[in-house]
Amino acid sequence: GPLMAVELQNNIIIHWKPHGVPLRFKEMPITNLHYINNEIDEIAGGPNAVVVFTFNAHRVFHPLTFYVHEVAKIRQSVVALLRRAPETTVIIKSGNTAGRK
């Protein structure tokens, strides 16, 4: 990545980017790795923009305080995006942290 898919019939463009280490790819230039909040900060947004991201996968191996800190940074970026462009749709998939100590 980053990767892009285009569906012309419905005028849909999908951009996929890895968000940071650790990744399972054998070759990934470090310049292609960005934190989710930094990527959200770069999005203009608008009525035809949909931002979708999953957040959790390898975070389960870190202390819960690290997870909370990362979620807080992402929340700040999402709030700023929605202030810039309130018509933007944001979809977030997160893991279940119940039962973690």
C-alpha atoms as a PDB file:
ATOM      1  CA  GLY A   1       0.000   0.000   0.000  1.00  0.00           C
ATOM      2  CA  PRO A   2      -1.157   2.619  -0.238  1.00  0.00           C
ATOM      3  CA  LEU A   3      -3.696   1.066  -2.612  1.00  0.00           C
ATOM      4  CA  MET A   4      -6.593   2.472  -4.619  1.00  0.00           C
ATOM      5  CA  ALA A   5      -9.665   0.828  -6.167  1.00  0.00           C
ATOM      6  CA  VAL A   6     -12.006   2.540  -8.628  1.00  0.00           C
ATOM      7  CA  GLU A   7     -15.561   1.502  -9.459  1.00  0.00           C
ATOM      8  CA  LEU A   8     -16.656   3.617 -12.431  1.00  0.00           C
ATOM      9  CA  GLN A   9     -20.331   2.656 -12.677  1.00  0.00           C
ATOM     10  CA  ASN A  10     -21.168   4.202  -9.276  1.00  0.00           C
ATOM     11  CA  ASN A  11     -18.276   6.705  -9.228  1.00  0.00           C
ATOM     12  CA  ILE A  12     -16.612   5.188  -6.140  1.00  0.00           C
ATOM     13  CA  ILE A  13     -12.928   5.568  -5.287  1.00  0.00           C
ATOM     14  CA  ILE A  14     -11.432   3.695  -2.338  1.00  0.00           C
ATOM     15  CA  HIS A  15      -8.039   4.595  -0.878  1.00  0.00           C
ATOM     16  CA  TRP A  16      -6.430   2.084   1.493  1.00  0.00           C
ATOM     17  CA  LYS A  17      -3.378   2.930   3.545  1.00  0.00           C
ATOM     18  CA  PRO A  18      -1.587   1.011   6.269  1.00  0.00           C
ATOM     19  CA  HIS A  19      -1.553   2.988   9.503  1.00  0.00           C
ATOM     20  CA  GLY A  20       1.709   2.024  11.138  1.00  0.00           C
ATOM     21  CA  VAL A  21       3.847  -0.742  12.534  1.00  0.00           C
ATOM     22  CA  PRO A  22       3.737  -3.608  13.193  1.00  0.00           C
ATOM     23  CA  LEU A  23       2.637  -4.890   9.821  1.00  0.00           C
ATOM     24  CA  ARG A  24       2.907  -8.325   8.297  1.00  0.00           C
ATOM     25  CA  PHE A  25       4.198  -7.092   4.936  1.00  0.00           C
ATOM     26  CA  LYS A  26       7.708  -8.131   3.967  1.00  0.00           C
ATOM     27  CA  GLU A  27       8.502  -4.866   2.220  1.00  0.00           C
ATOM     28  CA  MET A  28       6.915  -1.598   3.308  1.00  0.00           C
ATOM     29  CA  PRO A  29       8.722   1.722   3.042  1.00  0.00           C
ATOM     30  CA  ILE A  30       8.536   3.512   6.388  1.00  0.00           C
ATOM     31  CA  THR A  31       7.471   6.677   4.524  1.00  0.00           C
ATOM     32  CA  ASN A  32       4.166   4.920   3.680  1.00  0.00           C
ATOM     33  CA  LEU A  33       3.290   4.397   7.342  1.00  0.00           C
ATOM     34  CA  HIS A  34       1.156   7.021   9.061  1.00  0.00           C
ATOM     35  CA  TYR A  35      -0.928   7.199  12.209  1.00  0.00           C
ATOM     36  CA  ILE A  36      -4.700   7.133  11.706  1.00  0.00           C
ATOM     37  CA  ASN A  37      -5.149  10.552  13.291  1.00  0.00           C
ATOM     38  CA  ASN A  38      -2.600  12.109  10.905  1.00  0.00           C
ATOM     39  CA  GLU A  39      -4.400  10.602   7.912  1.00  0.00           C
ATOM     40  CA  ILE A  40      -7.763  11.915   9.126  1.00  0.00           C
ATOM     41  CA  ASP A  41      -6.223  15.380   9.534  1.00  0.00           C
ATOM     42  CA  GLU A  42      -5.400  15.359   5.795  1.00  0.00           C
ATOM     43  CA  ILE A  43      -8.949  14.536   4.625  1.00  0.00           C
ATOM     44  CA  ALA A  44     -11.007  17.425   3.245  1.00  0.00           C
ATOM     45  CA  GLY A  45     -14.310  15.597   3.755  1.00  0.00           C
ATOM     46  CA  GLY A  46     -17.642  16.656   2.329  1.00  0.00           C
ATOM     47  CA  PRO A  47     -21.077  15.293   1.443  1.00  0.00           C
ATOM     48  CA  ASN A  48     -19.627  12.620  -0.876  1.00  0.00           C
ATOM     49  CA  ALA A  49     -16.828  11.537   1.466  1.00  0.00           C
ATOM     50  CA  VAL A  50     -17.025   8.438   3.647  1.00  0.00           C
ATOM     51  CA  VAL A  51     -14.150   7.690   6.012  1.00  0.00           C
ATOM     52  CA  VAL A  52     -13.991   4.124   7.319  1.00  0.00           C
ATOM     53  CA  PHE A  53     -11.341   2.653   9.572  1.00  0.00           C
ATOM     54  CA  THR A  54     -10.817  -0.258  11.904  1.00  0.00           C
ATOM     55  CA  PHE A  55      -8.939   0.296  15.106  1.00  0.00           C
ATOM     56  CA  ASN A  56      -7.727  -2.466  17.369  1.00  0.00           C
ATOM     57  CA  ALA A  57      -6.005  -5.388  15.659  1.00  0.00           C
ATOM     58  CA  HIS A  58      -2.559  -5.419  17.289  1.00  0.00           C
ATOM     59  CA  ARG A  59      -3.341  -2.818  19.960  1.00  0.00           C
ATOM     60  CA  VAL A  60      -4.561  -5.632  22.230  1.00  0.00           C
ATOM     61  CA  PHE A  61      -0.931  -6.391  23.071  1.00  0.00           C
ATOM     62  CA  HIS A  62      -0.375  -2.917  24.565  1.00  0.00           C
ATOM     63  CA  PRO A  63      -1.558  -1.625  27.953  1.00  0.00           C
ATOM     64  CA  LEU A  64      -5.106  -0.282  28.030  1.00  0.00           C
ATOM     65  CA  THR A  65      -3.766   3.219  28.777  1.00  0.00           C
ATOM     66  CA  PHE A  66      -1.972   3.197  25.390  1.00  0.00           C
ATOM     67  CA  TYR A  67      -5.231   2.222  23.660  1.00  0.00           C
ATOM     68  CA  VAL A  68      -7.127   5.015  25.450  1.00  0.00           C
ATOM     69  CA  HIS A  69      -4.456   7.557  24.446  1.00  0.00           C
ATOM     70  CA  GLU A  70      -4.608   6.466  20.796  1.00  0.00           C
ATOM     71  CA  VAL A  71      -8.421   6.596  20.764  1.00  0.00           C
ATOM     72  CA  ALA A  72      -8.311  10.121  22.239  1.00  0.00           C
ATOM     73  CA  LYS A  73      -5.980  11.310  19.451  1.00  0.00           C
ATOM     74  CA  ILE A  74      -8.189   9.745  16.791  1.00  0.00           C
ATOM     75  CA  ARG A  75     -11.289  11.303  18.377  1.00  0.00           C
ATOM     76  CA  GLN A  76      -9.669  14.755  18.213  1.00  0.00           C
ATOM     77  CA  SER A  77      -8.983  14.270  14.509  1.00  0.00           C
ATOM     78  CA  VAL A  78     -12.516  13.005  13.773  1.00  0.00           C
ATOM     79  CA  VAL A  79     -14.047  15.947  15.663  1.00  0.00           C
ATOM     80  CA  ALA A  80     -11.838  18.371  13.694  1.00  0.00           C
ATOM     81  CA  LEU A  81     -12.847  16.683  10.412  1.00  0.00           C
ATOM     82  CA  LEU A  82     -16.531  16.963  11.247  1.00  0.00           C
ATOM     83  CA  ARG A  83     -16.059  20.644  12.137  1.00  0.00           C
ATOM     84  CA  ARG A  84     -14.377  21.240   8.746  1.00  0.00           C
ATOM     85  CA  ALA A  85     -16.928  19.224   6.822  1.00  0.00           C
ATOM     86  CA  PRO A  86     -19.986  18.212   8.888  1.00  0.00           C
ATOM     87  CA  GLU A  87     -21.496  16.344   5.917  1.00  0.00           C
ATOM     88  CA  THR A  88     -18.705  13.748   6.039  1.00  0.00           C
ATOM     89  CA  THR A  89     -19.702  10.226   7.056  1.00  0.00           C
ATOM     90  CA  VAL A  90     -17.278   8.563   9.488  1.00  0.00           C
ATOM     91  CA  ILE A  91     -17.537   4.848  10.272  1.00  0.00           C
ATOM     92  CA  ILE A  92     -15.336   3.365  12.987  1.00  0.00           C
ATOM     93  CA  LYS A  93     -14.938  -0.333  13.802  1.00  0.00           C
ATOM     94  CA  SER A  94     -13.266  -0.996  17.122  1.00  0.00           C
ATOM     95  CA  GLY A  95     -12.508  -4.111  19.071  1.00  0.00           C
ATOM     96  CA  ASN A  96     -14.109  -5.023  22.356  1.00  0.00           C
ATOM     97  CA  THR A  97     -11.869  -4.050  25.273  1.00  0.00           C
ATOM     98  CA  ALA A  98     -14.172  -5.469  27.981  1.00  0.00           C
ATOM     99  CA  GLY A  99     -12.412  -7.641  30.494  1.00  0.00           C
ATOM    100  CA  ARG A 100      -8.941  -6.176  29.893  1.00  0.00           C
ATOM    101  CA  LYS A 101      -6.809  -5.136  32.851  1.00  0.00           C
END
